[in-house]
Structures are given as C-alpha cells and as structure tokens.
Amino acid sequence: MREKIEKALEDIRPSLQMDGGDIELVSIEDGIVKVRLTGACGGCPMSQMTLKEVVERAIIEAVPEVKKVVAV
C-alpha cells in the first residue's frame, strides 16, 4: 500500500513543485493517509482544496482502500 501511495504522490508532485510546493507522506493508519504540504503549499489558502481535489483523489484512485487523506 505504501508503495502505491508514494507512486501516486510522485505523479502529482511535479504540479505542486511548479507552484513552489511539495508533499511528503507522514504515515498511514487505519486507511487514513497523513501528508505534509511543504514550501508554498504549506501556507497557501488553497491548500485544503488541493489536498482534497488533487491529492486525495489521486491516492484513492491508486489505492481504493484509503478512506481519507489529511494534512498534518
């Protein structure tokens, strides 16, 4: 599961990096994926939308057993 999640993050990472940000996987617990948005993404007012619309969608598409993705 971790490898599939990392692959999904690698696929979306270039678009985050184009805007000066990045993402890292913190943990996976009981179907909940915890990530950390860094760089420009960390303080961006649109980060919650990015988290749900881009990150969560990509991860759940790659790993359907994931329940949700949260930022820490």
C-alpha atoms as a PDB file:
ATOM      1  CA  MET A   1       0.000   0.000   0.000  1.00  0.00           C
ATOM      2  CA  ARG A   2       2.777   2.434   0.932  1.00  0.00           C
ATOM      3  CA  GLU A   3       4.472   1.976  -2.443  1.00  0.00           C
ATOM      4  CA  LYS A   4       1.242   2.700  -4.335  1.00  0.00           C
ATOM      5  CA  ILE A   5       0.658   5.837  -2.277  1.00  0.00           C
ATOM      6  CA  GLU A   6       4.233   7.014  -2.850  1.00  0.00           C
ATOM      7  CA  LYS A   7       3.752   6.428  -6.593  1.00  0.00           C
ATOM      8  CA  ALA A   8       0.542   8.499  -6.583  1.00  0.00           C
ATOM      9  CA  LEU A   9       2.394  11.300  -4.788  1.00  0.00           C
ATOM     10  CA  GLU A  10       5.228  11.123  -7.319  1.00  0.00           C
ATOM     11  CA  ASP A  11       2.686  11.553 -10.109  1.00  0.00           C
ATOM     12  CA  ILE A  12       1.247  14.777  -8.639  1.00  0.00           C
ATOM     13  CA  ARG A  13       4.486  16.148  -7.181  1.00  0.00           C
ATOM     14  CA  PRO A  14       5.579  17.991 -10.395  1.00  0.00           C
ATOM     15  CA  SER A  15       2.418  20.105 -10.417  1.00  0.00           C
ATOM     16  CA  LEU A  16       2.937  21.054  -6.769  1.00  0.00           C
ATOM     17  CA  GLN A  17       6.599  21.846  -7.394  1.00  0.00           C
ATOM     18  CA  MET A  18       5.690  24.129 -10.314  1.00  0.00           C
ATOM     19  CA  ASP A  19       3.921  26.322  -7.758  1.00  0.00           C
ATOM     20  CA  GLY A  20       6.844  26.215  -5.312  1.00  0.00           C
ATOM     21  CA  GLY A  21       5.477  23.496  -3.042  1.00  0.00           C
ATOM     22  CA  ASP A  22       5.886  19.825  -2.341  1.00  0.00           C
ATOM     23  CA  ILE A  23       4.317  16.973  -0.386  1.00  0.00           C
ATOM     24  CA  GLU A  24       5.621  14.226   1.849  1.00  0.00           C
ATOM     25  CA  LEU A  25       3.983  11.102   3.205  1.00  0.00           C
ATOM     26  CA  VAL A  26       3.953  11.139   7.006  1.00  0.00           C
ATOM     27  CA  SER A  27       2.020   7.998   7.928  1.00  0.00           C
ATOM     28  CA  ILE A  28      -0.717   5.545   7.032  1.00  0.00           C
ATOM     29  CA  GLU A  29      -3.023   4.397   9.846  1.00  0.00           C
ATOM     30  CA  ASP A  30      -6.308   2.504   9.511  1.00  0.00           C
ATOM     31  CA  GLY A  31      -6.925   3.718   5.958  1.00  0.00           C
ATOM     32  CA  ILE A  32      -6.110   7.346   6.806  1.00  0.00           C
ATOM     33  CA  VAL A  33      -3.138   8.814   4.965  1.00  0.00           C
ATOM     34  CA  LYS A  34      -1.336  11.708   6.648  1.00  0.00           C
ATOM     35  CA  VAL A  35       0.689  14.022   4.440  1.00  0.00           C
ATOM     36  CA  ARG A  36       2.607  17.236   4.943  1.00  0.00           C
ATOM     37  CA  LEU A  37       2.357  20.016   2.388  1.00  0.00           C
ATOM     38  CA  THR A  38       5.618  21.947   2.295  1.00  0.00           C
ATOM     39  CA  GLY A  39       7.041  25.043   0.661  1.00  0.00           C
ATOM     40  CA  ALA A  40       4.492  27.383  -0.879  1.00  0.00           C
ATOM     41  CA  CYS A  41       1.778  24.739  -0.429  1.00  0.00           C
ATOM     42  CA  GLY A  42       2.199  24.780   3.348  1.00  0.00           C
ATOM     43  CA  GLY A  43       0.801  28.275   3.775  1.00  0.00           C
ATOM     44  CA  CYS A  44      -1.368  28.574   0.690  1.00  0.00           C
ATOM     45  CA  PRO A  45      -5.024  29.430   1.279  1.00  0.00           C
ATOM     46  CA  MET A  46      -5.936  26.945  -1.465  1.00  0.00           C
ATOM     47  CA  SER A  47      -4.058  24.072   0.197  1.00  0.00           C
ATOM     48  CA  GLN A  48      -7.202  22.380   1.564  1.00  0.00           C
ATOM     49  CA  MET A  49      -8.754  22.363  -1.884  1.00  0.00           C
ATOM     50  CA  THR A  50      -5.519  20.986  -3.353  1.00  0.00           C
ATOM     51  CA  LEU A  51      -5.448  18.344  -0.651  1.00  0.00           C
ATOM     52  CA  LYS A  52      -8.985  17.118  -1.355  1.00  0.00           C
ATOM     53  CA  GLU A  53      -9.323  17.689  -5.104  1.00  0.00           C
ATOM     54  CA  VAL A  54      -5.841  16.656  -6.219  1.00  0.00           C
ATOM     55  CA  VAL A  55      -4.003  14.687  -3.545  1.00  0.00           C
ATOM     56  CA  GLU A  56      -6.860  12.698  -2.030  1.00  0.00           C
ATOM     57  CA  ARG A  57      -8.367  11.930  -5.426  1.00  0.00           C
ATOM     58  CA  ALA A  58      -5.039  10.630  -6.793  1.00  0.00           C
ATOM     59  CA  ILE A  59      -4.323   8.498  -3.738  1.00  0.00           C
ATOM     60  CA  ILE A  60      -7.808   6.960  -3.531  1.00  0.00           C
ATOM     61  CA  GLU A  61      -7.752   6.248  -7.255  1.00  0.00           C
ATOM     62  CA  ALA A  62      -4.445   4.405  -6.824  1.00  0.00           C
ATOM     63  CA  VAL A  63      -5.380   2.745  -3.519  1.00  0.00           C
ATOM     64  CA  PRO A  64      -9.170   2.377  -3.136  1.00  0.00           C
ATOM     65  CA  GLU A  65      -8.894   1.070   0.442  1.00  0.00           C
ATOM     66  CA  VAL A  66      -7.731   4.519   1.612  1.00  0.00           C
ATOM     67  CA  LYS A  67     -10.595   6.246   3.468  1.00  0.00           C
ATOM     68  CA  LYS A  68      -9.276   9.800   3.512  1.00  0.00           C
ATOM     69  CA  VAL A  69      -6.194  11.979   3.308  1.00  0.00           C
ATOM     70  CA  VAL A  70      -5.395  14.603   5.948  1.00  0.00           C
ATOM     71  CA  ALA A  71      -2.691  17.237   6.228  1.00  0.00           C
ATOM     72  CA  VAL A  72      -0.583  17.366   9.387  1.00  0.00           C
END
